[in-house]
């Protein structure tokens, strides 16, 4: 089951220590949504990054920011990837100075037509449609919709994925990256035990093929 894992919504240096222990985790996400309880500042990002394993790529996750503000934050935080969750155009994506992942709210199969209009991005985050709330609602969408899409495009699968369903998600969609946040939290913060449970579930599948 070859795929990488992204843990999104890091808020504390200890979160970085948690995820750095597991080689399957290749990406760390930092949220810049004004209305999110996971929102961080650039200074907080820099503190957390000091505790990250060097090979983990950092992802700035943005909603409702201007492209100029995103460019400024990306530069100051030193992100590797920019993940966009608002109504950015293809031209907007082309103005970002690092690789871009564009989030697509998955209502139905027609949602993927929107994704195909973006040529200035390096990947797509397929997430549950949450209306005005930009991600982080912990709900899945119909994964069958994404099966053929993930064969052609770099795909990050998000939305309600947990230790209980990650194997099914990967078997159906075969994404390049699986993105988790709320399912590895307890009382609003990243939980070492839940992260470990997730990783051990993945390792068991890889070892035994079950």
C-alpha atoms as a PDB file:
ATOM      1  CA  UNK A   1       0.000   0.000   0.000  1.00  0.00           C
ATOM      2  CA  UNK A   2       2.507   2.631  -1.132  1.00  0.00           C
ATOM      3  CA  UNK A   3       1.437   6.096  -0.037  1.00  0.00           C
ATOM      4  CA  UNK A   4       2.701   8.885   2.181  1.00  0.00           C
ATOM      5  CA  UNK A   5       0.968  10.426   5.180  1.00  0.00           C
ATOM      6  CA  UNK A   6       0.369  14.092   5.964  1.00  0.00           C
ATOM      7  CA  UNK A   7      -0.610  15.210   9.442  1.00  0.00           C
ATOM      8  CA  UNK A   8      -2.298  18.590   9.272  1.00  0.00           C
ATOM      9  CA  UNK A   9      -2.945  21.211  11.917  1.00  0.00           C
ATOM     10  CA  UNK A  10       0.246  21.093  13.978  1.00  0.00           C
ATOM     11  CA  UNK A  11       0.061  23.660  16.780  1.00  0.00           C
ATOM     12  CA  UNK A  12       2.839  22.782  19.236  1.00  0.00           C
ATOM     13  CA  UNK A  13       6.513  21.766  19.053  1.00  0.00           C
ATOM     14  CA  UNK A  14       5.605  18.458  20.679  1.00  0.00           C
ATOM     15  CA  UNK A  15       3.311  17.719  17.717  1.00  0.00           C
ATOM     16  CA  UNK A  16       6.409  17.817  15.527  1.00  0.00           C
ATOM     17  CA  UNK A  17       8.179  15.421  17.864  1.00  0.00           C
ATOM     18  CA  UNK A  18       5.232  13.031  17.707  1.00  0.00           C
ATOM     19  CA  UNK A  19       5.124  12.796  13.925  1.00  0.00           C
ATOM     20  CA  UNK A  20       8.902  12.800  13.456  1.00  0.00           C
ATOM     21  CA  UNK A  21       9.069   9.382  15.098  1.00  0.00           C
ATOM     22  CA  UNK A  22       7.253   7.686  12.207  1.00  0.00           C
ATOM     23  CA  UNK A  23       8.945   7.428   8.829  1.00  0.00           C
ATOM     24  CA  UNK A  24       5.614   7.001   7.021  1.00  0.00           C
ATOM     25  CA  UNK A  25       4.735  10.622   7.820  1.00  0.00           C
ATOM     26  CA  UNK A  26       6.270  12.741   5.075  1.00  0.00           C
ATOM     27  CA  UNK A  27       4.284  15.995   5.317  1.00  0.00           C
ATOM     28  CA  UNK A  28       3.296  18.389   8.114  1.00  0.00           C
ATOM     29  CA  UNK A  29       0.494  20.901   7.602  1.00  0.00           C
ATOM     30  CA  UNK A  30       0.175  24.330   9.220  1.00  0.00           C
ATOM     31  CA  UNK A  31      -3.197  26.041   9.108  1.00  0.00           C
ATOM     32  CA  UNK A  32      -3.752  29.669   8.189  1.00  0.00           C
ATOM     33  CA  UNK A  33      -7.565  29.884   8.366  1.00  0.00           C
ATOM     34  CA  UNK A  34      -8.735  32.862  10.404  1.00  0.00           C
ATOM     35  CA  UNK A  35     -11.702  30.904  11.780  1.00  0.00           C
ATOM     36  CA  UNK A  36      -9.855  27.689  12.591  1.00  0.00           C
ATOM     37  CA  UNK A  37      -8.906  26.649  16.105  1.00  0.00           C
ATOM     38  CA  UNK A  38      -5.765  25.190  14.531  1.00  0.00           C
ATOM     39  CA  UNK A  39      -4.592  28.537  13.147  1.00  0.00           C
ATOM     40  CA  UNK A  40      -0.926  29.330  13.811  1.00  0.00           C
ATOM     41  CA  UNK A  41       1.371  32.292  13.334  1.00  0.00           C
ATOM     42  CA  UNK A  42       4.614  32.368  11.383  1.00  0.00           C
ATOM     43  CA  UNK A  43       6.599  32.513  14.632  1.00  0.00           C
ATOM     44  CA  UNK A  44       4.792  29.428  15.909  1.00  0.00           C
ATOM     45  CA  UNK A  45       5.510  27.620  12.641  1.00  0.00           C
ATOM     46  CA  UNK A  46       9.217  28.389  12.947  1.00  0.00           C
ATOM     47  CA  UNK A  47       9.287  27.057  16.533  1.00  0.00           C
ATOM     48  CA  UNK A  48       7.503  23.861  15.527  1.00  0.00           C
ATOM     49  CA  UNK A  49       9.722  23.317  12.481  1.00  0.00           C
ATOM     50  CA  UNK A  50      12.797  23.172  14.705  1.00  0.00           C
ATOM     51  CA  UNK A  51      11.463  19.913  16.144  1.00  0.00           C
ATOM     52  CA  UNK A  52      10.554  18.322  12.812  1.00  0.00           C
ATOM     53  CA  UNK A  53      12.516  15.530  11.190  1.00  0.00           C
ATOM     54  CA  UNK A  54      14.535  17.211   8.417  1.00  0.00           C
ATOM     55  CA  UNK A  55      13.011  15.233   5.555  1.00  0.00           C
ATOM     56  CA  UNK A  56       9.395  16.073   6.454  1.00  0.00           C
ATOM     57  CA  UNK A  57       8.025  18.626   4.005  1.00  0.00           C
ATOM     58  CA  UNK A  58       6.054  21.526   5.439  1.00  0.00           C
ATOM     59  CA  UNK A  59       2.746  22.580   3.924  1.00  0.00           C
ATOM     60  CA  UNK A  60       1.158  25.984   4.460  1.00  0.00           C
ATOM     61  CA  UNK A  61      -2.624  25.564   4.352  1.00  0.00           C
ATOM     62  CA  UNK A  62      -4.472  28.756   3.424  1.00  0.00           C
ATOM     63  CA  UNK A  63      -8.046  29.981   3.139  1.00  0.00           C
ATOM     64  CA  UNK A  64      -9.330  33.542   2.646  1.00  0.00           C
ATOM     65  CA  UNK A  65      -5.898  35.130   2.279  1.00  0.00           C
ATOM     66  CA  UNK A  66      -4.820  37.305  -0.619  1.00  0.00           C
ATOM     67  CA  UNK A  67      -2.163  35.875  -2.900  1.00  0.00           C
ATOM     68  CA  UNK A  68       0.241  38.633  -1.852  1.00  0.00           C
ATOM     69  CA  UNK A  69      -0.253  37.748   1.821  1.00  0.00           C
ATOM     70  CA  UNK A  70       0.210  34.048   1.049  1.00  0.00           C
ATOM     71  CA  UNK A  71       3.425  34.766  -0.820  1.00  0.00           C
ATOM     72  CA  UNK A  72       4.705  36.771   2.152  1.00  0.00           C
ATOM     73  CA  UNK A  73       3.850  34.077   4.697  1.00  0.00           C
ATOM     74  CA  UNK A  74       5.297  31.326   2.513  1.00  0.00           C
ATOM     75  CA  UNK A  75       8.545  33.247   2.290  1.00  0.00           C
ATOM     76  CA  UNK A  76       8.790  33.999   6.019  1.00  0.00           C
ATOM     77  CA  UNK A  77       7.771  30.513   7.156  1.00  0.00           C
ATOM     78  CA  UNK A  78       9.896  28.706   4.571  1.00  0.00           C
ATOM     79  CA  UNK A  79       7.163  26.300   3.495  1.00  0.00           C
ATOM     80  CA  UNK A  80       7.858  23.610   0.917  1.00  0.00           C
ATOM     81  CA  UNK A  81       4.296  23.393  -0.427  1.00  0.00           C
ATOM     82  CA  UNK A  82       1.304  25.743  -0.484  1.00  0.00           C
ATOM     83  CA  UNK A  83      -2.189  24.250  -0.076  1.00  0.00           C
ATOM     84  CA  UNK A  84      -5.043  26.531  -1.179  1.00  0.00           C
ATOM     85  CA  UNK A  85      -8.643  26.179   0.022  1.00  0.00           C
ATOM     86  CA  UNK A  86     -10.443  29.285  -1.255  1.00  0.00           C
ATOM     87  CA  UNK A  87     -11.576  30.446  -4.683  1.00  0.00           C
ATOM     88  CA  UNK A  88      -8.116  30.926  -6.132  1.00  0.00           C
ATOM     89  CA  UNK A  89      -7.905  30.964  -9.904  1.00  0.00           C
ATOM     90  CA  UNK A  90      -5.421  29.031 -12.004  1.00  0.00           C
ATOM     91  CA  UNK A  91      -3.576  32.319 -12.525  1.00  0.00           C
ATOM     92  CA  UNK A  92      -3.444  32.883  -8.751  1.00  0.00           C
ATOM     93  CA  UNK A  93      -1.871  29.473  -8.284  1.00  0.00           C
ATOM     94  CA  UNK A  94       0.771  30.364 -10.838  1.00  0.00           C
ATOM     95  CA  UNK A  95       1.849  33.340  -8.725  1.00  0.00           C
ATOM     96  CA  UNK A  96       2.856  31.191  -5.761  1.00  0.00           C
ATOM     97  CA  UNK A  97       6.620  30.683  -5.639  1.00  0.00           C
ATOM     98  CA  UNK A  98       6.528  27.076  -4.406  1.00  0.00           C
ATOM     99  CA  UNK A  99       4.555  23.980  -5.525  1.00  0.00           C
ATOM    100  CA  UNK A 100       0.796  24.316  -5.041  1.00  0.00           C
ATOM    101  CA  UNK A 101      -1.816  21.780  -3.981  1.00  0.00           C
ATOM    102  CA  UNK A 102      -5.341  22.990  -4.778  1.00  0.00           C
ATOM    103  CA  UNK A 103      -8.169  21.770  -2.576  1.00  0.00           C
ATOM    104  CA  UNK A 104     -11.308  20.546  -4.322  1.00  0.00           C
ATOM    105  CA  UNK A 105     -14.569  20.262  -2.365  1.00  0.00           C
ATOM    106  CA  UNK A 106     -16.055  16.940  -3.418  1.00  0.00           C
ATOM    107  CA  UNK A 107     -19.815  17.213  -3.863  1.00  0.00           C
ATOM    108  CA  UNK A 108     -20.063  14.688  -6.690  1.00  0.00           C
ATOM    109  CA  UNK A 109     -18.191  13.597  -9.816  1.00  0.00           C
ATOM    110  CA  UNK A 110     -18.710  17.030 -11.405  1.00  0.00           C
ATOM    111  CA  UNK A 111     -16.399  18.516  -8.768  1.00  0.00           C
ATOM    112  CA  UNK A 112     -13.447  16.961 -10.558  1.00  0.00           C
ATOM    113  CA  UNK A 113     -14.174  19.009 -13.683  1.00  0.00           C
ATOM    114  CA  UNK A 114     -13.149  22.073 -11.683  1.00  0.00           C
ATOM    115  CA  UNK A 115      -9.868  20.412 -10.780  1.00  0.00           C
ATOM    116  CA  UNK A 116      -8.977  19.771 -14.407  1.00  0.00           C
ATOM    117  CA  UNK A 117      -9.065  23.521 -15.093  1.00  0.00           C
ATOM    118  CA  UNK A 118      -5.983  24.033 -12.935  1.00  0.00           C
ATOM    119  CA  UNK A 119      -2.744  23.664 -14.840  1.00  0.00           C
ATOM    120  CA  UNK A 120      -0.520  25.710 -12.512  1.00  0.00           C
ATOM    121  CA  UNK A 121      -0.651  23.236  -9.646  1.00  0.00           C
ATOM    122  CA  UNK A 122       1.341  20.164  -8.733  1.00  0.00           C
ATOM    123  CA  UNK A 123      -1.407  18.288  -6.896  1.00  0.00           C
ATOM    124  CA  UNK A 124      -5.000  18.245  -5.699  1.00  0.00           C
ATOM    125  CA  UNK A 125      -6.423  17.792  -2.223  1.00  0.00           C
ATOM    126  CA  UNK A 126      -9.757  16.007  -2.542  1.00  0.00           C
ATOM    127  CA  UNK A 127     -11.749  16.868   0.574  1.00  0.00           C
ATOM    128  CA  UNK A 128     -15.351  16.614   1.735  1.00  0.00           C
ATOM    129  CA  UNK A 129     -17.570  19.517   0.787  1.00  0.00           C
ATOM    130  CA  UNK A 130     -18.034  21.488   4.001  1.00  0.00           C
ATOM    131  CA  UNK A 131     -19.717  24.629   2.691  1.00  0.00           C
ATOM    132  CA  UNK A 132     -18.100  27.732   4.121  1.00  0.00           C
ATOM    133  CA  UNK A 133     -15.999  25.749   6.577  1.00  0.00           C
ATOM    134  CA  UNK A 134     -12.666  25.089   4.910  1.00  0.00           C
ATOM    135  CA  UNK A 135     -11.827  21.479   5.720  1.00  0.00           C
ATOM    136  CA  UNK A 136     -11.302  19.828   9.078  1.00  0.00           C
ATOM    137  CA  UNK A 137     -14.885  18.570   9.507  1.00  0.00           C
ATOM    138  CA  UNK A 138     -13.953  14.909   9.834  1.00  0.00           C
ATOM    139  CA  UNK A 139     -16.409  13.610   7.230  1.00  0.00           C
ATOM    140  CA  UNK A 140     -15.719  11.383   4.240  1.00  0.00           C
ATOM    141  CA  UNK A 141     -17.040  11.664   0.704  1.00  0.00           C
ATOM    142  CA  UNK A 142     -17.807   8.967  -1.871  1.00  0.00           C
ATOM    143  CA  UNK A 143     -14.293   7.696  -2.603  1.00  0.00           C
ATOM    144  CA  UNK A 144     -15.407   5.822  -5.709  1.00  0.00           C
ATOM    145  CA  UNK A 145     -15.690   9.204  -7.435  1.00  0.00           C
ATOM    146  CA  UNK A 146     -11.926   9.708  -7.174  1.00  0.00           C
ATOM    147  CA  UNK A 147     -10.666   6.337  -8.388  1.00  0.00           C
ATOM    148  CA  UNK A 148      -9.913   7.279 -11.978  1.00  0.00           C
ATOM    149  CA  UNK A 149      -8.791  10.813 -11.091  1.00  0.00           C
ATOM    150  CA  UNK A 150      -5.988   9.605  -8.825  1.00  0.00           C
ATOM    151  CA  UNK A 151      -4.505   7.567 -11.662  1.00  0.00           C
ATOM    152  CA  UNK A 152      -3.839  10.729 -13.679  1.00  0.00           C
ATOM    153  CA  UNK A 153      -3.156  13.434 -11.089  1.00  0.00           C
ATOM    154  CA  UNK A 154      -1.104  13.740  -7.911  1.00  0.00           C
ATOM    155  CA  UNK A 155      -3.835  13.195  -5.337  1.00  0.00           C
ATOM    156  CA  UNK A 156      -4.000  14.008  -1.641  1.00  0.00           C
ATOM    157  CA  UNK A 157      -7.016  12.306  -0.057  1.00  0.00           C
ATOM    158  CA  UNK A 158      -8.561  14.141   2.897  1.00  0.00           C
ATOM    159  CA  UNK A 159     -11.791  14.223   4.848  1.00  0.00           C
ATOM    160  CA  UNK A 160     -12.655  11.936   7.729  1.00  0.00           C
ATOM    161  CA  UNK A 161      -9.783   9.483   7.307  1.00  0.00           C
ATOM    162  CA  UNK A 162      -8.755   7.606  10.446  1.00  0.00           C
ATOM    163  CA  UNK A 163      -7.074   4.412  11.604  1.00  0.00           C
ATOM    164  CA  UNK A 164     -10.425   2.687  11.109  1.00  0.00           C
ATOM    165  CA  UNK A 165     -10.812   3.478   7.409  1.00  0.00           C
ATOM    166  CA  UNK A 166      -7.381   4.400   6.039  1.00  0.00           C
ATOM    167  CA  UNK A 167      -6.862   0.960   4.486  1.00  0.00           C
ATOM    168  CA  UNK A 168     -10.192   1.101   2.666  1.00  0.00           C
ATOM    169  CA  UNK A 169      -9.493   4.659   1.528  1.00  0.00           C
ATOM    170  CA  UNK A 170      -6.142   3.680   0.052  1.00  0.00           C
ATOM    171  CA  UNK A 171      -7.446   0.522  -1.569  1.00  0.00           C
ATOM    172  CA  UNK A 172     -10.250   2.426  -3.297  1.00  0.00           C
ATOM    173  CA  UNK A 173      -8.543   5.673  -4.281  1.00  0.00           C
ATOM    174  CA  UNK A 174      -4.826   4.778  -4.284  1.00  0.00           C
ATOM    175  CA  UNK A 175      -3.822   8.371  -3.433  1.00  0.00           C
ATOM    176  CA  UNK A 176      -0.258   9.634  -3.359  1.00  0.00           C
ATOM    177  CA  UNK A 177      -0.803  11.160   0.082  1.00  0.00           C
ATOM    178  CA  UNK A 178      -3.380  10.609   2.828  1.00  0.00           C
ATOM    179  CA  UNK A 179      -4.167  13.730   4.876  1.00  0.00           C
ATOM    180  CA  UNK A 180      -5.347  13.452   8.496  1.00  0.00           C
ATOM    181  CA  UNK A 181      -6.118  15.958  11.214  1.00  0.00           C
ATOM    182  CA  UNK A 182      -9.076  15.594  13.588  1.00  0.00           C
ATOM    183  CA  UNK A 183      -8.884  11.782  13.746  1.00  0.00           C
ATOM    184  CA  UNK A 184      -5.424  11.962  15.342  1.00  0.00           C
ATOM    185  CA  UNK A 185      -6.457  14.528  17.937  1.00  0.00           C
ATOM    186  CA  UNK A 186      -7.711  14.334  21.497  1.00  0.00           C
ATOM    187  CA  UNK A 187      -9.268  17.350  23.213  1.00  0.00           C
ATOM    188  CA  UNK A 188      -8.328  19.472  20.199  1.00  0.00           C
ATOM    189  CA  UNK A 189      -4.624  18.617  20.142  1.00  0.00           C
ATOM    190  CA  UNK A 190      -2.560  16.026  18.315  1.00  0.00           C
ATOM    191  CA  UNK A 191      -2.419  12.751  20.215  1.00  0.00           C
ATOM    192  CA  UNK A 192       0.691  10.588  20.175  1.00  0.00           C
ATOM    193  CA  UNK A 193      -1.365   7.476  20.894  1.00  0.00           C
ATOM    194  CA  UNK A 194      -3.767   8.109  18.024  1.00  0.00           C
ATOM    195  CA  UNK A 195      -0.931   8.838  15.625  1.00  0.00           C
ATOM    196  CA  UNK A 196       0.804   5.637  16.713  1.00  0.00           C
ATOM    197  CA  UNK A 197      -2.418   3.644  16.263  1.00  0.00           C
ATOM    198  CA  UNK A 198      -2.726   5.000  12.723  1.00  0.00           C
ATOM    199  CA  UNK A 199       0.847   4.143  11.807  1.00  0.00           C
ATOM    200  CA  UNK A 200       0.668   0.657  13.286  1.00  0.00           C
ATOM    201  CA  UNK A 201      -2.505   0.023  11.286  1.00  0.00           C
ATOM    202  CA  UNK A 202      -0.656   0.985   8.100  1.00  0.00           C
ATOM    203  CA  UNK A 203       2.386  -1.102   9.012  1.00  0.00           C
ATOM    204  CA  UNK A 204       0.235  -4.150   9.708  1.00  0.00           C
ATOM    205  CA  UNK A 205      -1.363  -3.816   6.274  1.00  0.00           C
ATOM    206  CA  UNK A 206       2.034  -3.460   4.602  1.00  0.00           C
ATOM    207  CA  UNK A 207       3.420  -6.466   6.425  1.00  0.00           C
ATOM    208  CA  UNK A 208       0.546  -8.893   6.111  1.00  0.00           C
ATOM    209  CA  UNK A 209      -1.443  -7.522   3.180  1.00  0.00           C
ATOM    210  CA  UNK A 210      -4.718  -7.720   5.074  1.00  0.00           C
END
